[in-house]
Amino acid sequence: MLYLVGLGLGDAKDITVKGLEAVRRCRRVYLEAYTSVLTVGKEALEEFYGKELILADRETVEQEADSILKEADVGDVAFLVVGDPFGATTHSDLVLRAVKLGIPYKVIHNASIMNAVGCCGLQLYNFGETVSVVFWTDTWKPESFFDKIEKNRQNGMHTLCLLDIKVKEQSLENLMKGRKIYEPPRYMSVNQAAEQLLAIIQNRRLQGEEPEITENTICVGLARVGAPDQKIASGTLYQMSTVELGGPLHSLIVTGTMHPLELEMLKLFSVDSSSFENNAFQRTT
């Protein structure tokens, strides 16, 4: 049996009872380590679960998926995913391969950022398409995520922006030379995401457009959701470029049309309450 087990968002104790029972039953336990991270390290998980964990980075999963599944054909194997197993589309591939090989699988769900963002007070059914905001480079500055945020806002919907994670990435030079030397991990902050959005707004204005999203659009920055030191800040997009939220992981929400109740909740986390008086009432139902 292949078990796909969600670990939740905080620390080792966020696993469900059902998930923990499955992990303790398994012969081999893999920890997926590239779509998200917990606030504690592998060692803390091993101590709590009473099991040795095998770190599975993107390379391992993409290149050695068949060997992971062969093990699941003769014994119980667990594949641990931060958040919920299907929070990232990557894991559907593992299920499809298992089915093809006739290996039974079981999914044990948990909280993910996709539903935990409700902690800021915005109602989940008012969210549109979720977008990923990637790190820009000197030569690559995509703007497609901005168009999706605009479309959501035109429809009155909020947008959850999942911010880029760079784990086990190679520099262009090392990649070209085939050297397995990896760059230090990088996690995009709310500040960096807001700065990229502000840069796109400027670009669009230079092209003669007036974007749906401006410096004064109300946004929400979230950090380490589900952890004891979780932090939430609400304010304008411009304020999000300077707000201090601490260590990773961060997420950003660009609001659409807000219900008065949503607005009241966001005010609990405001960087500066005056930004709400000036802006938000233009977009309430």
C-alpha atoms as a PDB file:
ATOM      1  CA  MET A   1       0.000   0.000   0.000  1.00  0.00           C
ATOM      2  CA  LEU A   2       1.143   3.539  -0.790  1.00  0.00           C
ATOM      3  CA  TYR A   3       0.028   6.080   1.794  1.00  0.00           C
ATOM      4  CA  LEU A   4       0.006   9.784   0.912  1.00  0.00           C
ATOM      5  CA  VAL A   5      -0.063  11.527   4.272  1.00  0.00           C
ATOM      6  CA  GLY A   6      -0.673  15.247   4.855  1.00  0.00           C
ATOM      7  CA  LEU A   7       1.408  16.726   7.684  1.00  0.00           C
ATOM      8  CA  GLY A   8      -0.484  19.990   8.208  1.00  0.00           C
ATOM      9  CA  LEU A   9       1.247  23.334   8.462  1.00  0.00           C
ATOM     10  CA  GLY A  10       2.954  23.770  11.812  1.00  0.00           C
ATOM     11  CA  ASP A  11       5.176  21.157  13.429  1.00  0.00           C
ATOM     12  CA  ALA A  12       5.478  17.407  14.053  1.00  0.00           C
ATOM     13  CA  LYS A  13       2.258  17.282  16.120  1.00  0.00           C
ATOM     14  CA  ASP A  14       0.059  18.528  13.275  1.00  0.00           C
ATOM     15  CA  ILE A  15      -0.135  15.075  11.697  1.00  0.00           C
ATOM     16  CA  THR A  16      -3.543  13.396  12.226  1.00  0.00           C
ATOM     17  CA  VAL A  17      -3.909  10.333  14.473  1.00  0.00           C
ATOM     18  CA  LYS A  18      -4.806   8.289  11.365  1.00  0.00           C
ATOM     19  CA  GLY A  19      -1.729   9.639   9.564  1.00  0.00           C
ATOM     20  CA  LEU A  20       0.577   8.836  12.483  1.00  0.00           C
ATOM     21  CA  GLU A  21      -0.765   5.278  12.715  1.00  0.00           C
ATOM     22  CA  ALA A  22      -0.075   4.797   8.998  1.00  0.00           C
ATOM     23  CA  VAL A  23       3.472   6.181   9.288  1.00  0.00           C
ATOM     24  CA  ARG A  24       4.290   3.877  12.190  1.00  0.00           C
ATOM     25  CA  ARG A  25       3.020   0.876  10.188  1.00  0.00           C
ATOM     26  CA  CYS A  26       5.148   1.589   7.124  1.00  0.00           C
ATOM     27  CA  ARG A  27       8.439  -0.060   6.201  1.00  0.00           C
ATOM     28  CA  ARG A  28       9.740   3.038   4.451  1.00  0.00           C
ATOM     29  CA  VAL A  29       8.741   6.663   4.933  1.00  0.00           C
ATOM     30  CA  TYR A  30       9.597   9.425   2.448  1.00  0.00           C
ATOM     31  CA  LEU A  31       9.371  13.129   3.293  1.00  0.00           C
ATOM     32  CA  GLU A  32       8.613  15.292   0.256  1.00  0.00           C
ATOM     33  CA  ALA A  33      10.888  18.311   0.555  1.00  0.00           C
ATOM     34  CA  TYR A  34      10.302  20.663  -2.360  1.00  0.00           C
ATOM     35  CA  THR A  35       6.710  21.998  -2.572  1.00  0.00           C
ATOM     36  CA  SER A  36       6.635  23.297   1.021  1.00  0.00           C
ATOM     37  CA  VAL A  37       8.443  23.133   4.376  1.00  0.00           C
ATOM     38  CA  LEU A  38       7.442  22.763   8.019  1.00  0.00           C
ATOM     39  CA  THR A  39       8.697  25.025  10.788  1.00  0.00           C
ATOM     40  CA  VAL A  40      10.670  22.103  12.269  1.00  0.00           C
ATOM     41  CA  GLY A  41      13.411  19.953  10.766  1.00  0.00           C
ATOM     42  CA  LYS A  42      13.492  16.306   9.684  1.00  0.00           C
ATOM     43  CA  GLU A  43      15.029  15.236  13.023  1.00  0.00           C
ATOM     44  CA  ALA A  44      12.064  16.580  15.054  1.00  0.00           C
ATOM     45  CA  LEU A  45       9.659  14.639  12.825  1.00  0.00           C
ATOM     46  CA  GLU A  46      11.702  11.439  13.146  1.00  0.00           C
ATOM     47  CA  GLU A  47      11.720  11.732  16.926  1.00  0.00           C
ATOM     48  CA  PHE A  48       7.948  12.274  17.148  1.00  0.00           C
ATOM     49  CA  TYR A  49       6.976   9.646  14.544  1.00  0.00           C
ATOM     50  CA  GLY A  50       9.498   7.087  15.798  1.00  0.00           C
ATOM     51  CA  LYS A  51      10.591   6.460  12.204  1.00  0.00           C
ATOM     52  CA  GLU A  52      13.576   7.237  10.023  1.00  0.00           C
ATOM     53  CA  LEU A  53      12.587   9.539   7.146  1.00  0.00           C
ATOM     54  CA  ILE A  54      14.072   9.539   3.648  1.00  0.00           C
ATOM     55  CA  LEU A  55      14.224  13.041   2.171  1.00  0.00           C
ATOM     56  CA  ALA A  56      12.627  13.099  -1.275  1.00  0.00           C
ATOM     57  CA  ASP A  57      13.503  16.180  -3.299  1.00  0.00           C
ATOM     58  CA  ARG A  58      12.066  16.970  -6.737  1.00  0.00           C
ATOM     59  CA  GLU A  59      14.858  15.029  -8.451  1.00  0.00           C
ATOM     60  CA  THR A  60      14.215  11.893  -6.366  1.00  0.00           C
ATOM     61  CA  VAL A  61      10.461  11.931  -6.945  1.00  0.00           C
ATOM     62  CA  GLU A  62      10.687  12.642 -10.672  1.00  0.00           C
ATOM     63  CA  GLN A  63      13.535  10.231 -11.417  1.00  0.00           C
ATOM     64  CA  GLU A  64      13.009   7.475  -8.854  1.00  0.00           C
ATOM     65  CA  ALA A  65       9.204   7.384  -8.539  1.00  0.00           C
ATOM     66  CA  ASP A  66       9.123   3.861  -9.954  1.00  0.00           C
ATOM     67  CA  SER A  67      11.513   2.509  -7.309  1.00  0.00           C
ATOM     68  CA  ILE A  68       9.434   4.162  -4.549  1.00  0.00           C
ATOM     69  CA  LEU A  69       6.357   2.469  -5.997  1.00  0.00           C
ATOM     70  CA  LYS A  70       8.074  -0.920  -6.350  1.00  0.00           C
ATOM     71  CA  GLU A  71       8.683  -0.822  -2.591  1.00  0.00           C
ATOM     72  CA  ALA A  72       4.968  -0.072  -2.074  1.00  0.00           C
ATOM     73  CA  ASP A  73       4.157  -3.200  -4.113  1.00  0.00           C
ATOM     74  CA  VAL A  74       5.771  -5.484  -1.522  1.00  0.00           C
ATOM     75  CA  GLY A  75       5.197  -3.512   1.686  1.00  0.00           C
ATOM     76  CA  ASP A  76       3.647  -0.354   3.144  1.00  0.00           C
ATOM     77  CA  VAL A  77       5.312   2.903   2.057  1.00  0.00           C
ATOM     78  CA  ALA A  78       4.350   6.403   3.227  1.00  0.00           C
ATOM     79  CA  PHE A  79       4.924   9.589   1.273  1.00  0.00           C
ATOM     80  CA  LEU A  80       4.658  12.585   3.612  1.00  0.00           C
ATOM     81  CA  VAL A  81       3.577  15.953   2.253  1.00  0.00           C
ATOM     82  CA  VAL A  82       3.545  19.275   4.126  1.00  0.00           C
ATOM     83  CA  GLY A  83      -0.028  20.576   4.165  1.00  0.00           C
ATOM     84  CA  ASP A  84      -2.420  18.316   2.245  1.00  0.00           C
ATOM     85  CA  PRO A  85      -1.238  15.625  -0.224  1.00  0.00           C
ATOM     86  CA  PHE A  86      -3.123  17.233  -3.110  1.00  0.00           C
ATOM     87  CA  GLY A  87      -2.235  20.822  -2.282  1.00  0.00           C
ATOM     88  CA  ALA A  88       0.402  20.472  -5.028  1.00  0.00           C
ATOM     89  CA  THR A  89      -0.483  18.946  -8.405  1.00  0.00           C
ATOM     90  CA  THR A  90       2.831  17.043  -8.449  1.00  0.00           C
ATOM     91  CA  HIS A  91       1.421  14.295  -6.273  1.00  0.00           C
ATOM     92  CA  SER A  92      -1.357  13.321  -8.671  1.00  0.00           C
ATOM     93  CA  ASP A  93       1.389  11.878 -10.874  1.00  0.00           C
ATOM     94  CA  LEU A  94       2.446   9.481  -8.113  1.00  0.00           C
ATOM     95  CA  VAL A  95      -1.146   8.264  -7.695  1.00  0.00           C
ATOM     96  CA  LEU A  96      -1.580   7.748 -11.454  1.00  0.00           C
ATOM     97  CA  ARG A  97       1.650   5.735 -11.612  1.00  0.00           C
ATOM     98  CA  ALA A  98       0.559   3.609  -8.622  1.00  0.00           C
ATOM     99  CA  VAL A  99      -2.802   2.844 -10.263  1.00  0.00           C
ATOM    100  CA  LYS A 100      -1.029   1.908 -13.512  1.00  0.00           C
ATOM    101  CA  LEU A 101       1.153  -0.568 -11.601  1.00  0.00           C
ATOM    102  CA  GLY A 102      -1.846  -1.975  -9.716  1.00  0.00           C
ATOM    103  CA  ILE A 103      -0.584  -0.684  -6.350  1.00  0.00           C
ATOM    104  CA  PRO A 104      -3.355   0.331  -3.910  1.00  0.00           C
ATOM    105  CA  TYR A 105      -3.068   3.787  -2.376  1.00  0.00           C
ATOM    106  CA  LYS A 106      -4.690   5.685   0.470  1.00  0.00           C
ATOM    107  CA  VAL A 107      -4.785   9.449   1.023  1.00  0.00           C
ATOM    108  CA  ILE A 108      -4.850  10.879   4.556  1.00  0.00           C
ATOM    109  CA  HIS A 109      -5.773  14.544   4.373  1.00  0.00           C
ATOM    110  CA  ASN A 110      -4.718  17.483   6.538  1.00  0.00           C
ATOM    111  CA  ALA A 111      -4.946  21.278   6.673  1.00  0.00           C
ATOM    112  CA  SER A 112      -3.219  23.168   3.873  1.00  0.00           C
ATOM    113  CA  ILE A 113      -2.590  26.830   3.134  1.00  0.00           C
ATOM    114  CA  MET A 114      -5.516  26.602   0.685  1.00  0.00           C
ATOM    115  CA  ASN A 115      -8.002  26.467   3.551  1.00  0.00           C
ATOM    116  CA  ALA A 116      -5.964  27.823   6.460  1.00  0.00           C
ATOM    117  CA  VAL A 117      -5.871  31.300   4.838  1.00  0.00           C
ATOM    118  CA  GLY A 118      -9.356  31.719   6.287  1.00  0.00           C
ATOM    119  CA  CYS A 119      -7.532  32.686   9.520  1.00  0.00           C
ATOM    120  CA  CYS A 120      -7.291  36.271   8.237  1.00  0.00           C
ATOM    121  CA  GLY A 121     -11.088  36.578   8.082  1.00  0.00           C
ATOM    122  CA  LEU A 122     -11.613  36.484   4.325  1.00  0.00           C
ATOM    123  CA  GLN A 123     -14.275  33.931   3.399  1.00  0.00           C
ATOM    124  CA  LEU A 124     -12.957  30.944   1.467  1.00  0.00           C
ATOM    125  CA  TYR A 125     -15.796  30.821  -1.051  1.00  0.00           C
ATOM    126  CA  ASN A 126     -14.914  34.384  -2.123  1.00  0.00           C
ATOM    127  CA  PHE A 127     -11.516  33.292  -3.487  1.00  0.00           C
ATOM    128  CA  GLY A 128     -10.870  32.937  -7.211  1.00  0.00           C
ATOM    129  CA  GLU A 129      -8.012  31.120  -8.944  1.00  0.00           C
ATOM    130  CA  THR A 130      -4.892  30.636  -6.823  1.00  0.00           C
ATOM    131  CA  VAL A 131      -1.671  31.916  -8.412  1.00  0.00           C
ATOM    132  CA  SER A 132       2.038  31.244  -7.946  1.00  0.00           C
ATOM    133  CA  VAL A 133       4.383  34.232  -7.826  1.00  0.00           C
ATOM    134  CA  VAL A 134       7.855  33.221  -9.006  1.00  0.00           C
ATOM    135  CA  PHE A 135      11.215  34.844  -8.309  1.00  0.00           C
ATOM    136  CA  TRP A 136      12.202  37.142 -11.147  1.00  0.00           C
ATOM    137  CA  THR A 137      15.703  37.007 -12.612  1.00  0.00           C
ATOM    138  CA  ASP A 138      17.606  39.662 -14.577  1.00  0.00           C
ATOM    139  CA  THR A 139      16.476  38.083 -17.837  1.00  0.00           C
ATOM    140  CA  TRP A 140      13.094  36.541 -16.933  1.00  0.00           C
ATOM    141  CA  LYS A 141      10.268  38.636 -15.481  1.00  0.00           C
ATOM    142  CA  PRO A 142       6.935  36.938 -16.224  1.00  0.00           C
ATOM    143  CA  GLU A 143       3.708  38.846 -15.526  1.00  0.00           C
ATOM    144  CA  SER A 144       1.075  36.172 -16.237  1.00  0.00           C
ATOM    145  CA  PHE A 145       0.187  35.816 -12.538  1.00  0.00           C
ATOM    146  CA  PHE A 146      -0.766  39.522 -12.478  1.00  0.00           C
ATOM    147  CA  ASP A 147      -3.344  38.988 -15.242  1.00  0.00           C
ATOM    148  CA  LYS A 148      -4.972  36.213 -13.196  1.00  0.00           C
ATOM    149  CA  ILE A 149      -5.099  38.427 -10.088  1.00  0.00           C
ATOM    150  CA  GLU A 150      -6.714  41.187 -12.171  1.00  0.00           C
ATOM    151  CA  LYS A 151      -9.281  38.777 -13.570  1.00  0.00           C
ATOM    152  CA  ASN A 152     -10.181  37.585 -10.065  1.00  0.00           C
ATOM    153  CA  ARG A 153     -10.533  41.167  -8.857  1.00  0.00           C
ATOM    154  CA  GLN A 154     -12.735  42.122 -11.807  1.00  0.00           C
ATOM    155  CA  ASN A 155     -15.003  39.269 -10.700  1.00  0.00           C
ATOM    156  CA  GLY A 156     -14.938  40.537  -7.101  1.00  0.00           C
ATOM    157  CA  MET A 157     -12.847  37.558  -5.950  1.00  0.00           C
ATOM    158  CA  HIS A 158      -9.822  37.448  -3.626  1.00  0.00           C
ATOM    159  CA  THR A 159      -6.545  35.898  -4.862  1.00  0.00           C
ATOM    160  CA  LEU A 160      -4.281  33.681  -2.804  1.00  0.00           C
ATOM    161  CA  CYS A 161      -0.705  34.108  -4.061  1.00  0.00           C
ATOM    162  CA  LEU A 162       1.605  31.202  -3.244  1.00  0.00           C
ATOM    163  CA  LEU A 163       5.140  32.539  -3.090  1.00  0.00           C
ATOM    164  CA  ASP A 164       8.142  30.893  -4.693  1.00  0.00           C
ATOM    165  CA  ILE A 165      10.377  28.372  -2.930  1.00  0.00           C
ATOM    166  CA  LYS A 166      13.813  27.586  -4.346  1.00  0.00           C
ATOM    167  CA  VAL A 167      15.195  24.417  -2.775  1.00  0.00           C
ATOM    168  CA  LYS A 168      18.110  22.467  -4.268  1.00  0.00           C
ATOM    169  CA  GLU A 169      18.357  24.789  -7.269  1.00  0.00           C
ATOM    170  CA  GLN A 170      21.514  24.894  -9.388  1.00  0.00           C
ATOM    171  CA  SER A 171      23.163  27.986 -10.817  1.00  0.00           C
ATOM    172  CA  LEU A 172      23.147  28.203 -14.621  1.00  0.00           C
ATOM    173  CA  GLU A 173      26.911  27.607 -14.676  1.00  0.00           C
ATOM    174  CA  ASN A 174      26.738  24.461 -12.521  1.00  0.00           C
ATOM    175  CA  LEU A 175      23.737  23.206 -14.500  1.00  0.00           C
ATOM    176  CA  MET A 176      25.582  23.607 -17.810  1.00  0.00           C
ATOM    177  CA  LYS A 177      28.708  21.933 -16.470  1.00  0.00           C
ATOM    178  CA  GLY A 178      26.678  19.082 -14.955  1.00  0.00           C
ATOM    179  CA  ARG A 179      27.968  19.809 -11.452  1.00  0.00           C
ATOM    180  CA  LYS A 180      25.646  18.707  -8.638  1.00  0.00           C
ATOM    181  CA  ILE A 181      26.312  21.859  -6.602  1.00  0.00           C
ATOM    182  CA  TYR A 182      23.216  23.508  -5.196  1.00  0.00           C
ATOM    183  CA  GLU A 183      22.394  27.070  -4.210  1.00  0.00           C
ATOM    184  CA  PRO A 184      21.243  27.859  -0.633  1.00  0.00           C
ATOM    185  CA  PRO A 185      17.429  27.610  -0.196  1.00  0.00           C
ATOM    186  CA  ARG A 186      15.444  30.799  -0.935  1.00  0.00           C
ATOM    187  CA  TYR A 187      11.905  31.578   0.154  1.00  0.00           C
ATOM    188  CA  MET A 188      10.033  34.524  -1.324  1.00  0.00           C
ATOM    189  CA  SER A 189       8.787  37.042   1.243  1.00  0.00           C
ATOM    190  CA  VAL A 190       5.587  39.097   1.117  1.00  0.00           C
ATOM    191  CA  ASN A 191       7.845  42.165   0.612  1.00  0.00           C
ATOM    192  CA  GLN A 192       9.453  40.681  -2.496  1.00  0.00           C
ATOM    193  CA  ALA A 193       6.103  39.580  -3.956  1.00  0.00           C
ATOM    194  CA  ALA A 194       4.604  43.040  -3.344  1.00  0.00           C
ATOM    195  CA  GLU A 195       7.622  44.730  -4.965  1.00  0.00           C
ATOM    196  CA  GLN A 196       7.199  42.585  -8.095  1.00  0.00           C
ATOM    197  CA  LEU A 197       3.481  43.439  -8.262  1.00  0.00           C
ATOM    198  CA  LEU A 198       4.270  47.154  -7.849  1.00  0.00           C
ATOM    199  CA  ALA A 199       6.836  46.905 -10.675  1.00  0.00           C
ATOM    200  CA  ILE A 200       4.207  45.325 -12.955  1.00  0.00           C
ATOM    201  CA  ILE A 201       1.745  48.129 -12.125  1.00  0.00           C
ATOM    202  CA  GLN A 202       4.382  50.677 -13.187  1.00  0.00           C
ATOM    203  CA  ASN A 203       5.075  48.732 -16.408  1.00  0.00           C
ATOM    204  CA  ARG A 204       1.391  48.623 -17.286  1.00  0.00           C
ATOM    205  CA  ARG A 205       1.020  52.377 -16.737  1.00  0.00           C
ATOM    206  CA  LEU A 206       3.990  53.020 -19.019  1.00  0.00           C
ATOM    207  CA  GLN A 207       2.091  51.013 -21.642  1.00  0.00           C
ATOM    208  CA  GLY A 208      -0.908  53.318 -21.216  1.00  0.00           C
ATOM    209  CA  GLU A 209      -3.008  50.957 -19.088  1.00  0.00           C
ATOM    210  CA  GLU A 210      -4.621  51.688 -15.725  1.00  0.00           C
ATOM    211  CA  PRO A 211      -4.422  48.358 -13.878  1.00  0.00           C
ATOM    212  CA  GLU A 212      -7.283  46.957 -11.800  1.00  0.00           C
ATOM    213  CA  ILE A 213      -4.793  46.610  -8.932  1.00  0.00           C
ATOM    214  CA  THR A 214      -2.967  49.687  -7.614  1.00  0.00           C
ATOM    215  CA  GLU A 215      -0.578  50.626  -4.795  1.00  0.00           C
ATOM    216  CA  ASN A 216      -3.667  51.229  -2.622  1.00  0.00           C
ATOM    217  CA  THR A 217      -5.379  47.870  -3.167  1.00  0.00           C
ATOM    218  CA  ILE A 218      -5.989  46.169   0.180  1.00  0.00           C
ATOM    219  CA  CYS A 219      -3.850  43.048   0.627  1.00  0.00           C
ATOM    220  CA  VAL A 220      -3.031  40.578   3.388  1.00  0.00           C
ATOM    221  CA  GLY A 221       0.401  39.206   4.212  1.00  0.00           C
ATOM    222  CA  LEU A 222       0.597  35.897   6.075  1.00  0.00           C
ATOM    223  CA  ALA A 223       3.645  34.185   7.542  1.00  0.00           C
ATOM    224  CA  ARG A 224       4.092  30.720   9.079  1.00  0.00           C
ATOM    225  CA  VAL A 225       0.340  29.978   9.069  1.00  0.00           C
ATOM    226  CA  GLY A 226      -0.438  27.226  11.578  1.00  0.00           C
ATOM    227  CA  ALA A 227       2.727  27.781  13.639  1.00  0.00           C
ATOM    228  CA  PRO A 228       2.701  29.296  17.159  1.00  0.00           C
ATOM    229  CA  ASP A 229       4.384  32.456  15.802  1.00  0.00           C
ATOM    230  CA  GLN A 230       1.959  32.857  12.878  1.00  0.00           C
ATOM    231  CA  LYS A 231       1.775  36.460  11.713  1.00  0.00           C
ATOM    232  CA  ILE A 232      -0.913  38.299   9.696  1.00  0.00           C
ATOM    233  CA  ALA A 233      -0.769  41.884   8.420  1.00  0.00           C
ATOM    234  CA  SER A 234      -3.352  43.712   6.329  1.00  0.00           C
ATOM    235  CA  GLY A 235      -2.958  46.987   4.491  1.00  0.00           C
ATOM    236  CA  THR A 236      -2.290  48.429   1.053  1.00  0.00           C
ATOM    237  CA  LEU A 237      -0.106  46.678  -1.521  1.00  0.00           C
ATOM    238  CA  TYR A 238       2.466  49.417  -0.961  1.00  0.00           C
ATOM    239  CA  GLN A 239       2.470  48.696   2.802  1.00  0.00           C
ATOM    240  CA  MET A 240       3.010  45.003   2.052  1.00  0.00           C
ATOM    241  CA  SER A 241       6.323  45.913   0.384  1.00  0.00           C
ATOM    242  CA  THR A 242       7.725  47.107   3.728  1.00  0.00           C
ATOM    243  CA  VAL A 243       5.826  45.153   6.423  1.00  0.00           C
ATOM    244  CA  GLU A 244       8.006  42.952   8.664  1.00  0.00           C
ATOM    245  CA  LEU A 245       6.672  39.389   8.899  1.00  0.00           C
ATOM    246  CA  GLY A 246       9.795  37.413   9.842  1.00  0.00           C
ATOM    247  CA  GLY A 247      10.900  34.028   8.520  1.00  0.00           C
ATOM    248  CA  PRO A 248       9.268  31.771   5.892  1.00  0.00           C
ATOM    249  CA  LEU A 249       6.855  30.564   4.612  1.00  0.00           C
ATOM    250  CA  HIS A 250       4.927  33.618   3.410  1.00  0.00           C
ATOM    251  CA  SER A 251       1.702  33.989   1.398  1.00  0.00           C
ATOM    252  CA  LEU A 252       0.007  37.078  -0.009  1.00  0.00           C
ATOM    253  CA  ILE A 253      -3.682  37.738  -0.628  1.00  0.00           C
ATOM    254  CA  VAL A 254      -4.930  40.450  -2.989  1.00  0.00           C
ATOM    255  CA  THR A 255      -8.519  41.235  -2.006  1.00  0.00           C
ATOM    256  CA  GLY A 256     -11.522  41.568  -4.284  1.00  0.00           C
ATOM    257  CA  THR A 257     -14.928  42.839  -3.169  1.00  0.00           C
ATOM    258  CA  MET A 258     -15.256  42.554   0.604  1.00  0.00           C
ATOM    259  CA  HIS A 259     -18.236  41.775   2.792  1.00  0.00           C
ATOM    260  CA  PRO A 260     -18.447  44.140   5.823  1.00  0.00           C
ATOM    261  CA  LEU A 261     -17.681  41.154   8.088  1.00  0.00           C
ATOM    262  CA  GLU A 262     -14.493  40.402   6.131  1.00  0.00           C
ATOM    263  CA  LEU A 263     -13.493  44.031   6.450  1.00  0.00           C
ATOM    264  CA  GLU A 264     -14.015  44.018  10.222  1.00  0.00           C
ATOM    265  CA  MET A 265     -11.814  40.930  10.515  1.00  0.00           C
ATOM    266  CA  LEU A 266      -9.039  42.418   8.360  1.00  0.00           C
ATOM    267  CA  LYS A 267      -8.978  45.521  10.550  1.00  0.00           C
ATOM    268  CA  LEU A 268      -7.828  43.300  13.441  1.00  0.00           C
ATOM    269  CA  PHE A 269      -4.556  42.814  11.550  1.00  0.00           C
ATOM    270  CA  SER A 270      -4.149  46.270  10.006  1.00  0.00           C
ATOM    271  CA  VAL A 271      -0.691  47.803   9.627  1.00  0.00           C
ATOM    272  CA  ASP A 272      -2.387  51.215   9.747  1.00  0.00           C
ATOM    273  CA  SER A 273      -6.154  51.529  10.245  1.00  0.00           C
ATOM    274  CA  SER A 274      -6.299  54.718   8.122  1.00  0.00           C
ATOM    275  CA  SER A 275      -5.544  52.676   4.971  1.00  0.00           C
ATOM    276  CA  PHE A 276      -8.919  50.981   5.436  1.00  0.00           C
ATOM    277  CA  GLU A 277     -10.814  54.228   5.891  1.00  0.00           C
ATOM    278  CA  ASN A 278      -9.339  55.599   2.652  1.00  0.00           C
ATOM    279  CA  ASN A 279      -9.614  52.566   0.392  1.00  0.00           C
ATOM    280  CA  ALA A 280     -11.548  49.537   1.327  1.00  0.00           C
ATOM    281  CA  PHE A 281     -15.057  50.892   1.364  1.00  0.00           C
ATOM    282  CA  GLN A 282     -14.878  51.338  -2.398  1.00  0.00           C
ATOM    283  CA  ARG A 283     -14.878  47.534  -2.733  1.00  0.00           C
ATOM    284  CA  THR A 284     -17.461  46.299  -0.224  1.00  0.00           C
ATOM    285  CA  THR A 285     -20.788  44.623  -0.841  1.00  0.00           C
END
